[in-house]
């Protein structure tokens, strides 16, 4: 019996230590998430350049060393915020859209989700757009991270446009990159007029402009309804 008890005690101690480490790791993840939440709010108000270990420590009520322990540097903090924003953008805009049928329904959903996202950021600002202004002439890891996220999103739009071509919703000669460029231009104009000019008509104009882009590239010039039916003989993807 005496030979068994030490082994049992050691096993129990190891299990307890494992649970403690697990709780510690979970608490650490919660703290990091709380810091990122505060950092996103700060970045939306002051820009990515406004982020610093000191500013975030003041906002969160933590010590500078506490914030530093989770990120290690101001640059890593900025990159982490960009990644977090991108993940949320995907959850709010991309993921709901891919539930829609391939072709124009999905492309419309991507645009509508993007517009809705911009609409919620009228007062705070879009990190993709404001970040581009901050880092357009400043090479480095932060700019690379931001540009990479934007390019990834553009790639999703281009794929949706190509699917719409394959489905027969858009003309075969449609240039996906050109169409994506035009759609992105609508978002930039929306952001400018809604946020800077405070135009109450900006959202409506963005929707109308998108429909004109669709009309231009549509395989069937009568296409105008979001409830688009798949043309007879269209490719099944």
Protein backbone atom coordinates (compact mmCIF):
# COMPACT_ATOMS: atom_id res chain seq x y z
CA UNK A 1 0.00 0.00 0.00
CA UNK A 2 2.83 2.37 0.86
CA UNK A 3 4.33 1.77 -2.58
CA UNK A 4 1.11 2.78 -4.28
CA UNK A 5 0.35 5.96 -2.37
CA UNK A 6 3.42 7.99 -3.49
CA UNK A 7 2.66 7.07 -7.10
CA UNK A 8 -0.97 8.10 -6.63
CA UNK A 9 0.06 11.38 -4.98
CA UNK A 10 2.50 12.16 -7.78
CA UNK A 11 -0.15 11.46 -10.40
CA UNK A 12 -2.65 13.64 -8.56
CA UNK A 13 -0.11 16.45 -8.27
CA UNK A 14 0.69 16.23 -11.97
CA UNK A 15 -3.00 16.36 -12.88
CA UNK A 16 -3.53 19.35 -10.60
CA UNK A 17 -0.53 21.12 -12.11
CA UNK A 18 -1.89 20.41 -15.56
CA UNK A 19 -5.26 21.91 -14.64
CA UNK A 20 -3.54 24.95 -13.19
CA UNK A 21 -1.53 25.43 -16.37
CA UNK A 22 -4.69 25.07 -18.39
CA UNK A 23 -6.46 27.68 -16.29
CA UNK A 24 -3.44 29.93 -16.55
CA UNK A 25 -3.32 29.57 -20.33
CA UNK A 26 -7.06 30.23 -20.57
CA UNK A 27 -6.75 33.32 -18.41
CA UNK A 28 -3.84 34.48 -20.54
CA UNK A 29 -5.95 34.06 -23.68
CA UNK A 30 -8.79 36.00 -22.10
CA UNK A 31 -6.44 38.81 -21.13
CA UNK A 32 -4.95 38.95 -24.61
CA UNK A 33 -8.45 39.02 -26.13
CA UNK A 34 -9.42 41.90 -23.82
CA UNK A 35 -6.29 43.80 -24.79
CA UNK A 36 -7.01 43.26 -28.50
CA UNK A 37 -10.58 44.47 -28.03
CA UNK A 38 -9.31 47.68 -26.45
CA UNK A 39 -6.61 48.00 -29.12
CA UNK A 40 -9.17 47.70 -31.94
CA UNK A 41 -11.27 50.44 -30.37
CA UNK A 42 -8.21 52.62 -29.93
CA UNK A 43 -7.03 52.01 -33.50
CA UNK A 44 -10.44 52.93 -34.89
CA UNK A 45 -10.24 56.29 -33.13
CA UNK A 46 -6.52 57.12 -33.39
CA UNK A 47 -5.34 54.94 -36.26
CA UNK A 48 -2.90 52.06 -36.16
CA UNK A 49 -0.07 54.51 -35.54
CA UNK A 50 -1.88 55.65 -32.41
CA UNK A 51 -1.36 52.23 -30.87
CA UNK A 52 1.39 51.89 -28.33
CA UNK A 53 2.10 49.69 -25.34
CA UNK A 54 1.81 52.73 -23.06
CA UNK A 55 -1.50 53.98 -24.52
CA UNK A 56 -3.01 50.52 -24.30
CA UNK A 57 -1.81 50.04 -20.74
CA UNK A 58 -3.54 53.28 -19.79
CA UNK A 59 -6.80 52.31 -21.50
CA UNK A 60 -6.90 48.79 -20.04
CA UNK A 61 -5.64 49.73 -16.59
CA UNK A 62 -2.77 47.28 -16.94
CA UNK A 63 0.92 47.84 -16.45
CA UNK A 64 3.13 48.39 -19.49
CA UNK A 65 5.01 45.21 -18.64
CA UNK A 66 1.69 43.33 -18.53
CA UNK A 67 0.73 44.46 -22.02
CA UNK A 68 4.27 43.93 -23.28
CA UNK A 69 4.20 40.33 -22.02
CA UNK A 70 1.37 39.55 -24.46
CA UNK A 71 2.81 41.24 -27.55
CA UNK A 72 6.50 41.94 -27.02
CA UNK A 73 6.65 45.08 -29.13
CA UNK A 74 4.56 47.92 -30.52
CA UNK A 75 4.98 46.51 -34.01
CA UNK A 76 3.67 43.08 -32.99
CA UNK A 77 0.75 44.78 -31.25
CA UNK A 78 -0.13 46.66 -34.44
CA UNK A 79 0.12 43.52 -36.58
CA UNK A 80 -2.01 41.57 -34.10
CA UNK A 81 -4.71 44.24 -34.31
CA UNK A 82 -4.67 44.07 -38.11
CA UNK A 83 -5.04 40.29 -37.99
CA UNK A 84 -7.86 40.51 -35.47
CA UNK A 85 -9.68 43.07 -37.61
CA UNK A 86 -9.30 40.81 -40.65
CA UNK A 87 -10.67 37.79 -38.77
CA UNK A 88 -13.71 39.77 -37.69
CA UNK A 89 -14.17 41.13 -41.20
CA UNK A 90 -14.21 37.57 -42.52
CA UNK A 91 -16.73 36.48 -39.88
CA UNK A 92 -19.07 39.41 -40.55
CA UNK A 93 -18.75 39.77 -44.32
CA UNK A 94 -17.18 36.74 -45.98
CA UNK A 95 -18.63 33.80 -44.02
CA UNK A 96 -22.32 34.81 -44.38
CA UNK A 97 -21.82 35.54 -48.09
CA UNK A 98 -20.43 32.12 -48.99
CA UNK A 99 -23.65 30.59 -47.70
CA UNK A 100 -25.35 32.13 -50.75
CA UNK A 101 -25.51 30.33 -54.11
CA UNK A 102 -22.47 30.75 -56.34
CA UNK A 103 -22.59 33.49 -58.93
CA UNK A 104 -24.25 36.86 -58.64
CA UNK A 105 -26.16 36.00 -55.42
CA UNK A 106 -22.85 35.41 -53.65
CA UNK A 107 -21.18 38.45 -55.22
CA UNK A 108 -24.11 40.61 -54.16
CA UNK A 109 -23.91 39.23 -50.64
CA UNK A 110 -20.20 40.06 -50.45
CA UNK A 111 -20.89 43.63 -51.52
CA UNK A 112 -23.91 44.03 -49.24
CA UNK A 113 -21.94 42.69 -46.30
CA UNK A 114 -19.06 45.05 -47.09
CA UNK A 115 -21.42 48.01 -47.28
CA UNK A 116 -23.04 47.01 -44.00
CA UNK A 117 -19.61 46.81 -42.39
CA UNK A 118 -18.71 50.28 -43.63
CA UNK A 119 -22.06 51.58 -42.37
CA UNK A 120 -21.26 50.39 -38.84
CA UNK A 121 -17.86 52.09 -39.03
CA UNK A 122 -19.03 55.56 -40.05
CA UNK A 123 -18.02 57.00 -36.70
CA UNK A 124 -15.01 54.77 -36.02
CA UNK A 125 -13.53 54.30 -39.48
CA UNK A 126 -12.39 51.27 -41.47
CA UNK A 127 -8.91 50.05 -40.52
CA UNK A 128 -8.35 48.79 -44.07
CA UNK A 129 -8.97 52.27 -45.46
CA UNK A 130 -7.48 54.43 -42.71
CA UNK A 131 -4.50 52.08 -42.45
CA UNK A 132 -3.83 52.42 -46.17
CA UNK A 133 -3.60 56.19 -45.72
CA UNK A 134 -1.25 55.80 -42.76
CA UNK A 135 1.09 53.26 -44.34
CA UNK A 136 0.88 53.85 -48.10
CA UNK A 137 4.42 55.29 -48.12
CA UNK A 138 5.85 53.52 -45.09
CA UNK A 139 7.40 50.15 -45.92
CA UNK A 140 7.77 47.59 -43.19
CA UNK A 141 6.10 44.60 -41.49
CA UNK A 142 2.99 46.52 -40.43
CA UNK A 143 2.33 47.78 -43.96
CA UNK A 144 3.01 44.28 -45.34
CA UNK A 145 0.52 42.73 -42.92
CA UNK A 146 -2.18 45.27 -43.77
CA UNK A 147 -1.60 45.02 -47.52
CA UNK A 148 -1.65 41.23 -47.30
CA UNK A 149 -5.06 41.24 -45.64
CA UNK A 150 -6.50 43.62 -48.24
CA UNK A 151 -5.08 41.54 -51.10
CA UNK A 152 -6.63 38.42 -49.53
CA UNK A 153 -10.04 40.11 -49.45
CA UNK A 154 -9.68 41.31 -53.02
CA UNK A 155 -8.86 37.74 -54.00
CA UNK A 156 -12.15 36.58 -52.49
CA UNK A 157 -14.03 39.11 -54.60
CA UNK A 158 -12.18 38.09 -57.74
CA UNK A 159 -13.04 34.42 -57.12
CA UNK A 160 -16.70 35.33 -56.64
CA UNK A 161 -16.67 37.26 -59.92
CA UNK A 162 -15.05 34.33 -61.75
CA UNK A 163 -17.72 32.01 -60.38
CA UNK A 164 -20.40 34.39 -61.65
CA UNK A 165 -18.77 34.22 -65.09
CA UNK A 166 -18.68 30.41 -64.94
CA UNK A 167 -22.34 30.32 -63.90
CA UNK A 168 -23.26 32.40 -66.93
CA UNK A 169 -24.40 35.40 -64.86
CA UNK A 170 -21.67 37.68 -66.19
CA UNK A 171 -20.32 38.04 -69.70
CA UNK A 172 -17.49 35.65 -70.64
CA UNK A 173 -15.25 38.60 -71.53
CA UNK A 174 -15.61 40.14 -68.05
CA UNK A 175 -12.25 41.08 -66.57
CA UNK A 176 -12.51 39.96 -62.90
CA UNK A 177 -9.70 42.24 -61.75
CA UNK A 178 -11.27 45.26 -63.43
CA UNK A 179 -14.68 44.54 -61.94
CA UNK A 180 -13.15 44.07 -58.49
CA UNK A 181 -11.36 47.41 -58.92
CA UNK A 182 -14.63 49.14 -59.70
CA UNK A 183 -16.45 47.55 -56.76
CA UNK A 184 -13.65 48.55 -54.40
CA UNK A 185 -13.88 52.08 -55.79
CA UNK A 186 -17.54 52.20 -54.75
CA UNK A 187 -16.60 51.27 -51.18
CA UNK A 188 -13.92 53.97 -51.06
CA UNK A 189 -16.41 56.55 -52.34
CA UNK A 190 -18.99 55.38 -49.81
CA UNK A 191 -16.52 55.64 -46.95
CA UNK A 192 -15.43 59.13 -48.06
CA UNK A 193 -18.91 60.57 -48.51
CA UNK A 194 -20.47 58.90 -45.47
CA UNK A 195 -17.61 59.53 -43.04
CA UNK A 196 -16.02 62.74 -44.29
CA UNK A 197 -18.91 64.55 -45.98
CA UNK A 198 -21.57 62.98 -43.73
CA UNK A 199 -23.78 62.54 -46.78
CA UNK A 200 -27.08 60.81 -45.88
CA UNK A 201 -27.37 59.64 -49.50
CA UNK A 202 -24.05 57.79 -49.60
CA UNK A 203 -25.42 54.31 -48.86
CA UNK A 204 -28.19 54.60 -51.44
CA UNK A 205 -25.75 55.86 -54.06
CA UNK A 206 -23.39 52.95 -53.37
CA UNK A 207 -26.20 50.45 -53.95
CA UNK A 208 -27.29 52.15 -57.16
CA UNK A 209 -23.71 52.30 -58.44
CA UNK A 210 -23.22 48.61 -57.74
CA UNK A 211 -26.33 47.77 -59.76
CA UNK A 212 -24.93 49.77 -62.67
CA UNK A 213 -21.69 47.81 -62.49
CA UNK A 214 -23.68 44.56 -62.53
CA UNK A 215 -25.76 45.76 -65.47
CA UNK A 216 -22.62 46.58 -67.43
CA UNK A 217 -21.07 43.14 -66.96
CA UNK A 218 -24.26 41.05 -66.89
CA UNK A 219 -24.64 38.33 -69.51
CA UNK A 220 -28.35 39.21 -69.61
CA UNK A 221 -28.93 42.97 -69.68
CA UNK A 222 -32.27 42.46 -67.91
CA UNK A 223 -30.51 41.27 -64.76
CA UNK A 224 -31.36 43.60 -61.89
CA UNK A 225 -32.88 41.50 -59.13
CA UNK A 226 -30.90 40.02 -56.23
CA UNK A 227 -33.00 36.87 -56.67
CA UNK A 228 -31.23 35.96 -59.88
CA UNK A 229 -32.09 32.61 -61.44
CA UNK A 230 -29.34 30.51 -62.98
CA UNK A 231 -29.52 30.75 -66.79
CA UNK A 232 -30.41 27.58 -68.63
CA UNK A 233 -27.26 25.74 -69.65
CA UNK A 234 -25.08 27.54 -67.12
CA UNK A 235 -22.16 25.61 -65.74
CA UNK A 236 -22.84 23.64 -62.57
CA UNK A 237 -20.12 24.48 -60.08
